Amino acid sequence: MKKKTPRPTHAPIRERDRRRADFAATVSHDLKTPLNAIVGFLSVLMQDAPRMQPEWVEYLAQINHSARRLLERINDLLELYRLEAGKISFEPAWMNPRETLAQAAEPARSALERNGGRLDTEAPRVRIFCDERLISRVVRELCANAAQAARDGAVRVSLALDDAGPKERRLRLDVEDSGPGLGRERQALIEHSLALDPSSDAAAWDGLGLGLALARQAAFMLGGRLTIGSRAEGGTRARLEFALPAEHVEDAPGA
């Protein structure tokens, strides 16, 4: 009698991701505790800013900004491991994509405007039933990368809806920048990394920074596909595509 080949199981992968998430939570706590103390004492010192020399105020402001940025990255790292371990569930609700795009892109908009650049958002007047937190994460990370590339240039964030059959709508989210674009080797590496299954060992951090790794994992949870490449007219385009049931898209009130 021919033996049946055992079917592969994802249990070892899930256990690996769970252990990684638990380890990340422990390390994050150990890092955040002293960092929170640093941020707290900096806030106390900044209260004496009117009595300080201007250069010392600037030094403290830079230290405070760097400390808070590091704290954000630690939180991002923890969220990535939680996403990989399935500790963050898909939680859909009715949302306004115009508002979501504007809010998620605001940090990048502020950074660009400080350098003389601009960021524009565009979305149809609809409501969609989806996980706003995951979409916001993708937009926030892609906009942060685009703002760094564009510097004093322009970034455009747009959402479009296409019919994908009588019972399905396809959403296409584009983040485009006016930066220098991607080199051939860099683009090939990113394309290879984004094409990997995020649950596989090979995909972990392969050619992606923390921001893109988070965006890829969020796109995976949305059931979507994330692609990034240089535009023929210059700059870079990052695109997220995913489908929703037709009944999960409707006109916004007053549209």
Protein backbone atom coordinates (compact mmCIF):
# COMPACT_ATOMS: atom_id res chain seq x y z
CA MET A 1 0.00 0.00 0.00
CA LYS A 2 1.40 3.36 -1.02
CA LYS A 3 2.10 5.71 1.85
CA LYS A 4 0.50 9.11 1.76
CA THR A 5 2.86 12.04 1.75
CA PRO A 6 2.25 14.15 4.86
CA ARG A 7 0.69 17.49 4.02
CA PRO A 8 2.82 20.50 4.94
CA THR A 9 1.71 22.43 7.98
CA HIS A 10 2.13 26.08 8.87
CA ALA A 11 2.25 25.29 12.59
CA PRO A 12 6.08 25.57 12.85
CA ILE A 13 5.97 28.93 11.06
CA ARG A 14 3.23 30.21 13.35
CA GLU A 15 5.16 29.04 16.40
CA ARG A 16 8.31 30.74 15.09
CA ASP A 17 6.44 34.00 14.54
CA ARG A 18 4.82 33.78 17.98
CA ARG A 19 8.21 33.34 19.62
CA ARG A 20 9.64 36.25 17.63
CA ALA A 21 6.73 38.47 18.64
CA ASP A 22 7.14 37.54 22.31
CA PHE A 23 10.88 38.20 22.12
CA ALA A 24 10.30 41.54 20.38
CA ALA A 25 7.80 42.54 23.07
CA THR A 26 10.34 41.81 25.81
CA VAL A 27 13.18 43.64 24.06
CA SER A 28 10.93 46.57 23.18
CA HIS A 29 9.92 46.95 26.82
CA ASP A 30 13.58 46.88 27.90
CA LEU A 31 14.45 49.56 25.34
CA LYS A 32 11.39 51.76 25.85
CA THR A 33 11.71 52.02 29.63
CA PRO A 34 15.00 54.01 29.65
CA LEU A 35 14.02 55.84 26.46
CA ASN A 36 10.79 57.06 28.02
CA ALA A 37 12.83 58.35 30.95
CA ILE A 38 15.12 60.25 28.55
CA VAL A 39 12.13 61.81 26.77
CA GLY A 40 10.58 62.74 30.12
CA PHE A 41 13.70 64.46 31.45
CA LEU A 42 14.14 66.27 28.14
CA SER A 43 10.63 67.67 28.50
CA VAL A 44 11.55 68.94 31.97
CA LEU A 45 14.73 70.56 30.65
CA MET A 46 12.83 72.20 27.79
CA GLN A 47 10.71 74.05 30.35
CA ASP A 48 13.81 76.11 31.15
CA ALA A 49 14.36 76.96 27.47
CA PRO A 50 13.66 80.72 27.93
CA ARG A 51 16.67 80.94 30.26
CA MET A 52 19.02 78.94 28.01
CA GLN A 53 21.34 80.02 25.27
CA PRO A 54 19.73 79.54 21.81
CA GLU A 55 22.23 76.90 20.71
CA TRP A 56 21.49 74.76 23.78
CA VAL A 57 17.77 74.95 23.06
CA GLU A 58 18.49 73.73 19.53
CA TYR A 59 20.63 70.86 20.84
CA LEU A 60 17.88 69.76 23.23
CA ALA A 61 15.28 69.97 20.46
CA GLN A 62 17.38 67.73 18.22
CA ILE A 63 17.95 65.21 21.02
CA ASN A 64 14.23 65.21 21.81
CA HIS A 65 13.30 64.68 18.15
CA SER A 66 15.78 61.80 17.78
CA ALA A 67 14.62 60.13 21.00
CA ARG A 68 10.97 60.31 19.98
CA ARG A 69 11.81 59.03 16.50
CA LEU A 70 13.66 56.07 18.02
CA LEU A 71 10.65 55.37 20.24
CA GLU A 72 8.41 55.33 17.17
CA ARG A 73 10.73 52.88 15.39
CA ILE A 74 10.73 50.55 18.39
CA ASN A 75 6.93 50.59 18.36
CA ASP A 76 6.99 49.93 14.59
CA LEU A 77 9.32 46.97 15.07
CA LEU A 78 7.00 45.52 17.69
CA GLU A 79 3.99 45.99 15.41
CA LEU A 80 5.78 44.22 12.55
CA TYR A 81 6.42 41.15 14.67
CA ARG A 82 2.84 41.22 15.96
CA LEU A 83 1.55 41.37 12.38
CA GLU A 84 3.76 38.44 11.37
CA ALA A 85 2.60 36.40 14.36
CA GLY A 86 -1.07 37.05 13.62
CA LYS A 87 -1.53 38.92 16.89
CA ILE A 88 -3.18 41.79 15.03
CA SER A 89 -6.47 40.70 13.50
CA PHE A 90 -8.29 42.03 10.46
CA GLU A 91 -10.98 44.39 11.79
CA PRO A 92 -13.09 45.95 9.02
CA ALA A 93 -15.45 48.87 9.54
CA TRP A 94 -17.01 51.54 7.34
CA MET A 95 -14.43 54.25 6.62
CA ASN A 96 -14.00 57.38 4.52
CA PRO A 97 -10.86 56.87 2.37
CA ARG A 98 -10.49 60.60 1.66
CA GLU A 99 -10.13 61.30 5.38
CA THR A 100 -7.95 58.24 5.97
CA LEU A 101 -5.48 59.18 3.22
CA ALA A 102 -5.23 62.79 4.43
CA GLN A 103 -4.64 61.80 8.06
CA ALA A 104 -2.14 59.02 7.31
CA ALA A 105 -0.16 61.24 4.93
CA GLU A 106 -0.02 64.24 7.30
CA PRO A 107 3.45 63.52 8.83
CA ALA A 108 4.95 63.25 5.33
CA ARG A 109 3.10 66.39 4.23
CA SER A 110 4.54 68.36 7.14
CA ALA A 111 8.07 67.13 6.40
CA LEU A 112 7.78 68.10 2.74
CA GLU A 113 6.33 71.53 3.47
CA ARG A 114 9.23 72.31 5.82
CA ASN A 115 11.54 71.78 2.84
CA GLY A 116 9.37 73.71 0.39
CA GLY A 117 7.71 70.63 -1.13
CA ARG A 118 4.09 69.53 -1.22
CA LEU A 119 1.88 66.47 -0.88
CA ASP A 120 -1.53 66.06 -2.52
CA THR A 121 -4.17 63.40 -1.87
CA GLU A 122 -7.05 62.34 -4.09
CA ALA A 123 -9.79 59.77 -3.52
CA PRO A 124 -13.37 59.24 -4.71
CA ARG A 125 -16.28 60.27 -2.48
CA VAL A 126 -17.16 56.79 -1.28
CA ARG A 127 -17.26 54.72 1.88
CA ILE A 128 -15.55 51.34 2.02
CA PHE A 129 -15.86 48.49 4.50
CA CYS A 130 -12.25 47.63 5.28
CA ASP A 131 -9.58 47.76 7.99
CA GLU A 132 -8.67 51.44 8.27
CA ARG A 133 -5.66 50.75 10.50
CA LEU A 134 -4.00 48.53 7.88
CA ILE A 135 -4.64 50.97 5.04
CA SER A 136 -3.31 53.83 7.18
CA ARG A 137 -0.16 51.85 7.91
CA VAL A 138 0.52 51.27 4.21
CA VAL A 139 -0.11 54.94 3.34
CA ARG A 140 1.99 56.24 6.23
CA GLU A 141 5.03 54.09 5.41
CA LEU A 142 4.89 54.64 1.65
CA CYS A 143 4.47 58.40 2.12
CA ALA A 144 7.42 58.53 4.52
CA ASN A 145 9.65 56.87 1.91
CA ALA A 146 8.29 59.13 -0.84
CA ALA A 147 8.90 62.28 1.22
CA GLN A 148 12.51 61.26 1.83
CA ALA A 149 13.01 60.69 -1.89
CA ALA A 150 11.26 63.87 -3.03
CA ARG A 151 12.77 66.14 -0.32
CA ASP A 152 11.69 69.55 -1.66
CA GLY A 153 9.65 68.09 -4.52
CA ALA A 154 6.15 66.65 -4.75
CA VAL A 155 4.32 63.53 -3.59
CA ARG A 156 0.89 62.47 -4.85
CA VAL A 157 -1.33 59.96 -3.06
CA SER A 158 -4.35 58.72 -4.99
CA LEU A 159 -7.00 56.03 -4.63
CA ALA A 160 -8.97 54.70 -7.60
CA LEU A 161 -11.78 52.15 -7.89
CA ASP A 162 -12.26 49.76 -10.81
CA ASP A 163 -14.92 47.16 -11.54
CA ALA A 164 -13.46 43.66 -11.29
CA GLY A 165 -16.66 41.85 -12.20
CA PRO A 166 -20.31 42.10 -11.17
CA LYS A 167 -19.59 41.27 -7.53
CA GLU A 168 -16.17 42.80 -6.92
CA ARG A 169 -14.42 46.18 -6.89
CA ARG A 170 -10.66 46.59 -7.16
CA LEU A 171 -8.93 49.36 -5.20
CA ARG A 172 -5.70 50.85 -6.49
CA LEU A 173 -3.68 53.04 -4.13
CA ASP A 174 -0.73 54.92 -5.67
CA VAL A 175 1.97 56.92 -3.90
CA GLU A 176 4.12 58.76 -6.45
CA ASP A 177 7.11 61.03 -5.84
CA SER A 178 9.27 63.35 -7.92
CA GLY A 179 12.54 61.99 -6.55
CA PRO A 180 15.41 60.42 -8.52
CA GLY A 181 13.73 57.02 -8.86
CA LEU A 182 15.22 53.62 -8.12
CA GLY A 183 18.45 52.27 -9.51
CA ARG A 184 18.19 49.05 -11.50
CA GLU A 185 19.77 46.86 -8.80
CA ARG A 186 17.72 48.42 -6.00
CA GLN A 187 14.48 48.00 -7.93
CA ALA A 188 15.27 44.36 -8.72
CA LEU A 189 15.96 43.66 -5.04
CA ILE A 190 12.73 45.33 -3.89
CA GLU A 191 10.66 43.55 -6.55
CA HIS A 192 12.10 40.21 -5.47
CA SER A 193 11.43 40.91 -1.78
CA LEU A 194 7.87 42.13 -2.30
CA ALA A 195 7.05 39.04 -4.39
CA LEU A 196 7.91 36.68 -1.52
CA ASP A 197 5.27 35.25 0.78
CA PRO A 198 5.59 37.39 3.97
CA SER A 199 5.09 34.26 6.08
CA SER A 200 8.17 32.55 4.66
CA ASP A 201 11.61 32.59 6.26
CA ALA A 202 13.13 33.93 3.04
CA ALA A 203 10.96 37.04 3.12
CA ALA A 204 12.06 38.35 6.49
CA TRP A 205 13.79 41.71 5.99
CA ASP A 206 15.13 40.61 2.59
CA GLY A 207 16.05 43.90 0.92
CA LEU A 208 13.38 45.93 2.71
CA GLY A 209 13.69 48.55 5.40
CA LEU A 210 11.38 48.52 8.41
CA GLY A 211 8.82 50.82 6.77
CA LEU A 212 8.44 48.75 3.60
CA ALA A 213 8.39 45.52 5.61
CA LEU A 214 5.46 46.92 7.61
CA ALA A 215 3.68 48.06 4.44
CA ARG A 216 4.17 44.64 2.83
CA GLN A 217 2.79 42.83 5.86
CA ALA A 218 -0.23 45.14 6.06
CA ALA A 219 -0.86 44.66 2.33
CA PHE A 220 -0.68 40.89 2.82
CA MET A 221 -3.32 41.07 5.58
CA LEU A 222 -5.55 43.11 3.25
CA GLY A 223 -5.25 40.34 0.67
CA GLY A 224 -3.48 42.76 -1.63
CA ARG A 225 -0.30 43.13 -3.63
CA LEU A 226 2.34 45.82 -3.14
CA THR A 227 4.63 46.84 -6.02
CA ILE A 228 7.27 49.57 -6.29
CA GLY A 229 9.11 50.81 -9.35
CA SER A 230 10.52 53.82 -11.16
CA ARG A 231 8.20 55.88 -13.36
CA ALA A 232 9.05 56.60 -16.99
CA GLU A 233 8.55 60.33 -16.35
CA GLY A 234 10.86 60.21 -13.32
CA GLY A 235 10.43 59.43 -9.65
CA THR A 236 8.99 56.33 -8.02
CA ARG A 237 5.52 54.82 -7.81
CA ALA A 238 4.43 52.50 -5.00
CA ARG A 239 1.13 50.73 -5.65
CA LEU A 240 -1.18 48.70 -3.45
CA GLU A 241 -3.96 46.74 -5.16
CA PHE A 242 -6.64 44.69 -3.45
CA ALA A 243 -10.23 43.63 -4.04
CA LEU A 244 -13.40 44.15 -2.02
CA PRO A 245 -16.89 42.73 -2.47
CA ALA A 246 -19.05 45.19 -4.40
CA GLU A 247 -21.37 45.62 -1.41
CA HIS A 248 -18.39 46.85 0.64
CA VAL A 249 -18.15 50.02 -1.48
CA GLU A 250 -20.88 52.66 -1.50
CA ASP A 251 -21.28 56.36 -2.22
CA ALA A 252 -20.49 58.63 0.70
CA PRO A 253 -23.39 60.61 2.19
CA GLY A 254 -23.86 63.83 0.24
CA ALA A 255 -21.72 62.65 -2.68
